[in-house]
PDB file of all heavy atoms in Angstrom:
ATOM      1  N   GLY A   1      71.629 113.745  72.150  1.00  0.00           N
ATOM      2  CA  GLY A   1      72.626 112.923  71.478  1.00  0.00           C
ATOM      3  C   GLY A   1      73.032 111.724  72.292  1.00  0.00           C
ATOM      4  O   GLY A   1      72.815 111.670  73.470  1.00  0.00           O
ATOM      5  N   GLY A   2      73.614 110.729  71.614  1.00  0.00           N
ATOM      6  CA  GLY A   2      74.042 109.558  72.365  1.00  0.00           C
ATOM      7  C   GLY A   2      74.669 108.534  71.480  1.00  0.00           C
ATOM      8  O   GLY A   2      74.746 108.696  70.273  1.00  0.00           O
ATOM      9  N   ALA A   3      75.097 107.464  72.075  1.00  0.00           N
ATOM     10  CA  ALA A   3      75.804 106.438  71.330  1.00  0.00           C
ATOM     11  C   ALA A   3      74.857 105.570  70.513  1.00  0.00           C
ATOM     12  O   ALA A   3      75.290 104.818  69.668  1.00  0.00           O
ATOM     13  CB  ALA A   3      76.603 105.577  72.297  1.00  0.00           C
ATOM     14  N   GLY A   4      73.543 105.680  70.755  1.00  0.00           N
ATOM     15  CA  GLY A   4      72.586 104.968  69.906  1.00  0.00           C
ATOM     16  C   GLY A   4      72.492 103.501  70.226  1.00  0.00           C
ATOM     17  O   GLY A   4      73.321 102.940  70.919  1.00  0.00           O
ATOM     18  N   ALA A   5      71.438 102.880  69.696  1.00  0.00           N
ATOM     19  CA  ALA A   5      71.186 101.475  70.023  1.00  0.00           C
ATOM     20  C   ALA A   5      72.239 100.551  69.435  1.00  0.00           C
ATOM     21  O   ALA A   5      72.308  99.393  69.780  1.00  0.00           O
ATOM     22  CB  ALA A   5      69.800 101.073  69.531  1.00  0.00           C
ATOM     23  N   GLY A   6      73.071 101.063  68.537  1.00  0.00           N
ATOM     24  CA  GLY A   6      74.103 100.219  67.946  1.00  0.00           C
ATOM     25  C   GLY A   6      75.380 100.182  68.762  1.00  0.00           C
ATOM     26  O   GLY A   6      76.331  99.525  68.399  1.00  0.00           O
ATOM     27  N   SER A   7      75.378 100.908  69.879  1.00  0.00           N
ATOM     28  CA  SER A   7      76.603 101.042  70.641  1.00  0.00           C
ATOM     29  C   SER A   7      76.827  99.887  71.612  1.00  0.00           C
ATOM     30  O   SER A   7      75.888  99.296  72.098  1.00  0.00           O
ATOM     31  CB  SER A   7      76.535 102.347  71.436  1.00  0.00           C
ATOM     32  OG  SER A   7      77.489 102.330  72.462  1.00  0.00           O
ATOM     33  N   PRO A   8      78.098  99.569  71.919  1.00  0.00           N
ATOM     34  CA  PRO A   8      78.367  98.563  72.935  1.00  0.00           C
ATOM     35  C   PRO A   8      77.849  99.023  74.297  1.00  0.00           C
ATOM     36  O   PRO A   8      77.795  98.270  75.228  1.00  0.00           O
ATOM     37  CB  PRO A   8      79.893  98.470  72.965  1.00  0.00           C
ATOM     38  CG  PRO A   8      80.358  99.116  71.739  1.00  0.00           C
ATOM     39  CD  PRO A   8      79.316 100.081  71.302  1.00  0.00           C
ATOM     40  N   GLU A   9      77.516 100.319  74.439  1.00  0.00           N
ATOM     41  CA  GLU A   9      77.097 100.850  75.728  1.00  0.00           C
ATOM     42  C   GLU A   9      75.578 100.904  75.850  1.00  0.00           C
ATOM     43  O   GLU A   9      75.033 101.704  76.569  1.00  0.00           O
ATOM     44  CB  GLU A   9      77.691 102.239  75.922  1.00  0.00           C
ATOM     45  CG  GLU A   9      79.170 102.166  76.107  1.00  0.00           C
ATOM     46  CD  GLU A   9      79.830 103.513  76.100  1.00  0.00           C
ATOM     47  OE1 GLU A   9      79.206 104.494  75.711  1.00  0.00           O
ATOM     48  OE2 GLU A   9      80.998 103.565  76.479  1.00  0.00           O
ATOM     49  N   SER A  10      74.859 100.069  75.132  1.00  0.00           N
ATOM     50  CA  SER A  10      73.408 100.116  75.150  1.00  0.00           C
ATOM     51  C   SER A  10      72.791  99.466  76.379  1.00  0.00           C
ATOM     52  O   SER A  10      71.596  99.506  76.550  1.00  0.00           O
ATOM     53  CB  SER A  10      72.861  99.396  73.908  1.00  0.00           C
ATOM     54  OG  SER A  10      73.320 100.028  72.747  1.00  0.00           O
ATOM     55  N   PHE A  11      73.577  98.824  77.224  1.00  0.00           N
ATOM     56  CA  PHE A  11      73.008  98.136  78.378  1.00  0.00           C
ATOM     57  C   PHE A  11      72.434  99.129  79.381  1.00  0.00           C
ATOM     58  O   PHE A  11      72.989 100.187  79.599  1.00  0.00           O
ATOM     59  CB  PHE A  11      74.075  97.283  79.067  1.00  0.00           C
ATOM     60  CG  PHE A  11      74.435  96.056  78.284  1.00  0.00           C
ATOM     61  CD1 PHE A  11      75.753  95.723  78.069  1.00  0.00           C
ATOM     62  CD2 PHE A  11      73.440  95.250  77.755  1.00  0.00           C
ATOM     63  CE1 PHE A  11      76.092  94.592  77.343  1.00  0.00           C
ATOM     64  CE2 PHE A  11      73.774  94.120  77.041  1.00  0.00           C
ATOM     65  CZ  PHE A  11      75.091  93.795  76.834  1.00  0.00           C
ATOM     66  N   PRO A  12      71.328  98.783  80.022  1.00  0.00           N
ATOM     67  CA  PRO A  12      70.692  99.712  80.946  1.00  0.00           C
ATOM     68  C   PRO A  12      71.387  99.832  82.292  1.00  0.00           C
ATOM     69  O   PRO A  12      71.179 100.774  83.008  1.00  0.00           O
ATOM     70  CB  PRO A  12      69.298  99.110  81.143  1.00  0.00           C
ATOM     71  CG  PRO A  12      69.477  97.662  80.878  1.00  0.00           C
ATOM     72  CD  PRO A  12      70.555  97.556  79.849  1.00  0.00           C
ATOM     73  N   ALA A  13      72.211  98.886  82.674  1.00  0.00           N
ATOM     74  CA  ALA A  13      72.771  98.897  84.029  1.00  0.00           C
ATOM     75  C   ALA A  13      74.282  98.788  84.005  1.00  0.00           C
ATOM     76  O   ALA A  13      74.888  98.083  84.784  1.00  0.00           O
ATOM     77  CB  ALA A  13      72.175  97.754  84.842  1.00  0.00           C
ATOM     78  N   ARG A  14      74.906  99.506  83.101  1.00  0.00           N
ATOM     79  CA  ARG A  14      76.348  99.422  82.959  1.00  0.00           C
ATOM     80  C   ARG A  14      77.017 100.039  84.181  1.00  0.00           C
ATOM     81  O   ARG A  14      76.666 101.134  84.602  1.00  0.00           O
ATOM     82  CB  ARG A  14      76.757 100.187  81.705  1.00  0.00           C
ATOM     83  CG  ARG A  14      78.227 100.059  81.372  1.00  0.00           C
ATOM     84  CD  ARG A  14      78.485 100.741  80.029  1.00  0.00           C
ATOM     85  NE  ARG A  14      79.795 100.412  79.539  1.00  0.00           N
ATOM     86  CZ  ARG A  14      80.903 100.996  79.983  1.00  0.00           C
ATOM     87  NH1 ARG A  14      80.842 101.888  80.915  1.00  0.00           N
ATOM     88  NH2 ARG A  14      82.080 100.649  79.481  1.00  0.00           N
ATOM     89  N   VAL A  15      77.961  99.357  84.757  1.00  0.00           N
ATOM     90  CA  VAL A  15      78.677  99.887  85.914  1.00  0.00           C
ATOM     91  C   VAL A  15      80.131 100.133  85.511  1.00  0.00           C
ATOM     92  O   VAL A  15      80.891  99.199  85.324  1.00  0.00           O
ATOM     93  CB  VAL A  15      78.623  98.908  87.104  1.00  0.00           C
ATOM     94  CG1 VAL A  15      79.379  99.486  88.289  1.00  0.00           C
ATOM     95  CG2 VAL A  15      77.179  98.628  87.482  1.00  0.00           C
ATOM     96  N   PRO A  16      80.520 101.406  85.315  1.00  0.00           N
ATOM     97  CA  PRO A  16      81.883 101.691  84.888  1.00  0.00           C
ATOM     98  C   PRO A  16      82.895 101.420  85.992  1.00  0.00           C
ATOM     99  O   PRO A  16      82.532 101.158  87.133  1.00  0.00           O
ATOM    100  CB  PRO A  16      81.849 103.181  84.557  1.00  0.00           C
ATOM    101  CG  PRO A  16      80.411 103.572  84.551  1.00  0.00           C
ATOM    102  CD  PRO A  16      79.709 102.617  85.456  1.00  0.00           C
ATOM    103  N   GLY A  17      84.154 101.543  85.638  1.00  0.00           N
ATOM    104  CA  GLY A  17      85.229 101.371  86.609  1.00  0.00           C
ATOM    105  C   GLY A  17      86.176 100.284  86.176  1.00  0.00           C
ATOM    106  O   GLY A  17      86.101  99.159  86.623  1.00  0.00           O
ATOM    107  N   THR A  18      87.069 100.618  85.259  1.00  0.00           N
ATOM    108  CA  THR A  18      88.034  99.625  84.759  1.00  0.00           C
ATOM    109  C   THR A  18      89.438 100.204  84.877  1.00  0.00           C
ATOM    110  O   THR A  18      90.189 100.199  83.917  1.00  0.00           O
ATOM    111  CB  THR A  18      87.741  99.261  83.286  1.00  0.00           C
ATOM    112  OG1 THR A  18      87.723 100.471  82.504  1.00  0.00           O
ATOM    113  CG2 THR A  18      86.409  98.560  83.147  1.00  0.00           C
ATOM    114  N   LEU A  19      89.758 100.727  86.051  1.00  0.00           N
ATOM    115  CA  LEU A  19      91.063 101.362  86.224  1.00  0.00           C
ATOM    116  C   LEU A  19      92.156 100.317  86.379  1.00  0.00           C
ATOM    117  O   LEU A  19      91.954  99.272  86.990  1.00  0.00           O
ATOM    118  CB  LEU A  19      91.040 102.276  87.453  1.00  0.00           C
ATOM    119  CG  LEU A  19      90.036 103.440  87.376  1.00  0.00           C
ATOM    120  CD1 LEU A  19      90.166 104.305  88.615  1.00  0.00           C
ATOM    121  CD2 LEU A  19      90.249 104.271  86.115  1.00  0.00           C
ATOM    122  N   LEU A  20      93.310 100.623  85.817  1.00  0.00           N
ATOM    123  CA  LEU A  20      94.442  99.688  85.825  1.00  0.00           C
ATOM    124  C   LEU A  20      95.534 100.190  86.768  1.00  0.00           C
ATOM    125  O   LEU A  20      95.687 101.401  86.962  1.00  0.00           O
ATOM    126  CB  LEU A  20      94.985  99.537  84.402  1.00  0.00           C
ATOM    127  CG  LEU A  20      93.984  98.928  83.399  1.00  0.00           C
ATOM    128  CD1 LEU A  20      94.443  99.153  81.984  1.00  0.00           C
ATOM    129  CD2 LEU A  20      93.777  97.450  83.672  1.00  0.00           C
ATOM    130  N   PRO A  21      96.329  99.271  87.329  1.00  0.00           N
ATOM    131  CA  PRO A  21      97.388  99.691  88.263  1.00  0.00           C
ATOM    132  C   PRO A  21      98.569 100.321  87.523  1.00  0.00           C
ATOM    133  O   PRO A  21      98.700 100.179  86.306  1.00  0.00           O
ATOM    134  CB  PRO A  21      97.810  98.369  88.915  1.00  0.00           C
ATOM    135  CG  PRO A  21      97.454  97.308  87.924  1.00  0.00           C
ATOM    136  CD  PRO A  21      96.245  97.803  87.185  1.00  0.00           C
ATOM    137  N   ARG A  22      99.431 100.978  88.280  1.00  0.00           N
ATOM    138  CA  ARG A  22     100.615 101.605  87.678  1.00  0.00           C
ATOM    139  C   ARG A  22     101.575 100.534  87.163  1.00  0.00           C
ATOM    140  O   ARG A  22     101.733  99.477  87.762  1.00  0.00           O
ATOM    141  CB  ARG A  22     101.321 102.467  88.726  1.00  0.00           C
ATOM    142  CG  ARG A  22     102.415 103.360  88.122  1.00  0.00           C
ATOM    143  CD  ARG A  22     103.081 104.201  89.198  1.00  0.00           C
ATOM    144  NE  ARG A  22     102.109 104.949  89.960  1.00  0.00           N
ATOM    145  CZ  ARG A  22     102.371 105.516  91.131  1.00  0.00           C
ATOM    146  NH1 ARG A  22     103.574 105.408  91.677  1.00  0.00           N
ATOM    147  NH2 ARG A  22     101.438 106.177  91.777  1.00  0.00           N
ATOM    148  N   LEU A  23     102.198 100.815  86.040  1.00  0.00           N
ATOM    149  CA  LEU A  23     103.185  99.896  85.456  1.00  0.00           C
ATOM    150  C   LEU A  23     104.426  99.833  86.352  1.00  0.00           C
ATOM    151  O   LEU A  23     104.694 100.772  87.103  1.00  0.00           O
ATOM    152  CB  LEU A  23     103.598 100.382  84.062  1.00  0.00           C
ATOM    153  CG  LEU A  23     102.542 100.386  82.955  1.00  0.00           C
ATOM    154  CD1 LEU A  23     103.139 100.976  81.688  1.00  0.00           C
ATOM    155  CD2 LEU A  23     102.009  98.997  82.689  1.00  0.00           C
ATOM    156  N   PRO A  24     105.216  98.761  86.234  1.00  0.00           N
ATOM    157  CA  PRO A  24     106.493  98.727  86.971  1.00  0.00           C
ATOM    158  C   PRO A  24     107.413  99.838  86.464  1.00  0.00           C
ATOM    159  O   PRO A  24     107.406 100.164  85.276  1.00  0.00           O
ATOM    160  CB  PRO A  24     107.073  97.348  86.619  1.00  0.00           C
ATOM    161  CG  PRO A  24     105.926  96.564  86.049  1.00  0.00           C
ATOM    162  CD  PRO A  24     104.985  97.549  85.440  1.00  0.00           C
ATOM    163  N   SER A  25     108.194 100.415  87.361  1.00  0.00           N
ATOM    164  CA  SER A  25     109.110 101.485  86.944  1.00  0.00           C
ATOM    165  C   SER A  25     110.320 100.895  86.221  1.00  0.00           C
ATOM    166  O   SER A  25     110.686  99.738  86.440  1.00  0.00           O
ATOM    167  CB  SER A  25     109.563 102.295  88.154  1.00  0.00           C
ATOM    168  OG  SER A  25     110.176 101.447  89.087  1.00  0.00           O
ATOM    169  N   GLU A  26     110.887 101.715  85.346  1.00  0.00           N
ATOM    170  CA  GLU A  26     112.099 101.322  84.613  1.00  0.00           C
ATOM    171  C   GLU A  26     113.106 102.451  84.713  1.00  0.00           C
ATOM    172  O   GLU A  26     112.722 103.630  84.655  1.00  0.00           O
ATOM    173  CB  GLU A  26     111.762 101.051  83.136  1.00  0.00           C
ATOM    174  CG  GLU A  26     110.985  99.767  82.907  1.00  0.00           C
ATOM    175  CD  GLU A  26     110.782  99.485  81.414  1.00  0.00           C
ATOM    176  OE1 GLU A  26     111.654  99.909  80.623  1.00  0.00           O
ATOM    177  OE2 GLU A  26     109.768  98.861  81.064  1.00  0.00           O
ATOM    178  N   PRO A  27     114.391 102.136  84.842  1.00  0.00           N
ATOM    179  CA  PRO A  27     115.410 103.190  84.958  1.00  0.00           C
ATOM    180  C   PRO A  27     115.332 104.176  83.790  1.00  0.00           C
ATOM    181  O   PRO A  27     115.247 103.769  82.627  1.00  0.00           O
ATOM    182  CB  PRO A  27     116.737 102.418  84.949  1.00  0.00           C
ATOM    183  CG  PRO A  27     116.368 101.034  85.390  1.00  0.00           C
ATOM    184  CD  PRO A  27     114.975 100.798  84.894  1.00  0.00           C
ATOM    185  N   GLY A  28     115.320 105.465  84.138  1.00  0.00           N
ATOM    186  CA  GLY A  28     115.334 106.503  83.106  1.00  0.00           C
ATOM    187  C   GLY A  28     114.005 106.734  82.413  1.00  0.00           C
ATOM    188  O   GLY A  28     113.898 107.591  81.532  1.00  0.00           O
ATOM    189  N   MET A  29     112.976 105.980  82.785  1.00  0.00           N
ATOM    190  CA  MET A  29     111.678 106.115  82.124  1.00  0.00           C
ATOM    191  C   MET A  29     110.671 106.789  83.054  1.00  0.00           C
ATOM    192  O   MET A  29     110.743 106.651  84.278  1.00  0.00           O
ATOM    193  CB  MET A  29     111.140 104.744  81.709  1.00  0.00           C
ATOM    194  CG  MET A  29     112.081 103.971  80.807  1.00  0.00           C
ATOM    195  SD  MET A  29     112.376 104.832  79.244  1.00  0.00           S
ATOM    196  CE  MET A  29     111.091 104.111  78.251  1.00  0.00           C
ATOM    197  N   THR A  30     109.712 107.510  82.459  1.00  0.00           N
ATOM    198  CA  THR A  30     108.752 108.299  83.231  1.00  0.00           C
ATOM    199  C   THR A  30     107.344 107.732  83.112  1.00  0.00           C
ATOM    200  O   THR A  30     106.870 107.443  82.003  1.00  0.00           O
ATOM    201  CB  THR A  30     108.738 109.764  82.720  1.00  0.00           C
ATOM    202  OG1 THR A  30     110.080 110.230  82.629  1.00  0.00           O
ATOM    203  CG2 THR A  30     107.947 110.655  83.650  1.00  0.00           C
ATOM    204  N   LEU A  31     106.689 107.576  84.258  1.00  0.00           N
ATOM    205  CA  LEU A  31     105.276 107.173  84.277  1.00  0.00           C
ATOM    206  C   LEU A  31     104.426 108.363  84.716  1.00  0.00           C
ATOM    207  O   LEU A  31     104.889 109.222  85.470  1.00  0.00           O
ATOM    208  CB  LEU A  31     105.062 105.998  85.232  1.00  0.00           C
ATOM    209  CG  LEU A  31     105.619 104.656  84.746  1.00  0.00           C
ATOM    210  CD1 LEU A  31     105.644 103.654  85.889  1.00  0.00           C
ATOM    211  CD2 LEU A  31     104.784 104.097  83.590  1.00  0.00           C
ATOM    212  N   LEU A  32     103.193 108.405  84.229  1.00  0.00           N
ATOM    213  CA  LEU A  32     102.310 109.541  84.498  1.00  0.00           C
ATOM    214  C   LEU A  32     101.050 109.080  85.227  1.00  0.00           C
ATOM    215  O   LEU A  32     100.371 108.153  84.781  1.00  0.00           O
ATOM    216  CB  LEU A  32     101.927 110.221  83.175  1.00  0.00           C
ATOM    217  CG  LEU A  32     100.839 111.297  83.228  1.00  0.00           C
ATOM    218  CD1 LEU A  32     101.272 112.486  84.085  1.00  0.00           C
ATOM    219  CD2 LEU A  32     100.494 111.778  81.810  1.00  0.00           C
ATOM    220  N   THR A  33     100.757 109.727  86.346  1.00  0.00           N
ATOM    221  CA  THR A  33      99.475 109.541  87.032  1.00  0.00           C
ATOM    222  C   THR A  33      98.679 110.829  86.859  1.00  0.00           C
ATOM    223  O   THR A  33      99.191 111.930  87.129  1.00  0.00           O
ATOM    224  CB  THR A  33      99.671 109.281  88.543  1.00  0.00           C
ATOM    225  OG1 THR A  33     100.504 108.138  88.711  1.00  0.00           O
ATOM    226  CG2 THR A  33      98.333 109.040  89.232  1.00  0.00           C
ATOM    227  N   ILE A  34      97.449 110.694  86.383  1.00  0.00           N
ATOM    228  CA  ILE A  34      96.584 111.874  86.242  1.00  0.00           C
ATOM    229  C   ILE A  34      95.438 111.748  87.231  1.00  0.00           C
ATOM    230  O   ILE A  34      94.693 110.768  87.204  1.00  0.00           O
ATOM    231  CB  ILE A  34      96.023 111.993  84.804  1.00  0.00           C
ATOM    232  CG1 ILE A  34      97.158 112.154  83.794  1.00  0.00           C
ATOM    233  CG2 ILE A  34      95.045 113.165  84.705  1.00  0.00           C
ATOM    234  CD1 ILE A  34      96.701 112.166  82.340  1.00  0.00           C
TER     235      ILE A  34
END
């Protein structure tokens, strides 16, 4: 199985890694790191 030739991921040399930084904290609000 797979995403098929119609997928945006069809490139042969895709290099993943699009992690984003933590949001600014706000009083009374909770942020989650997994």
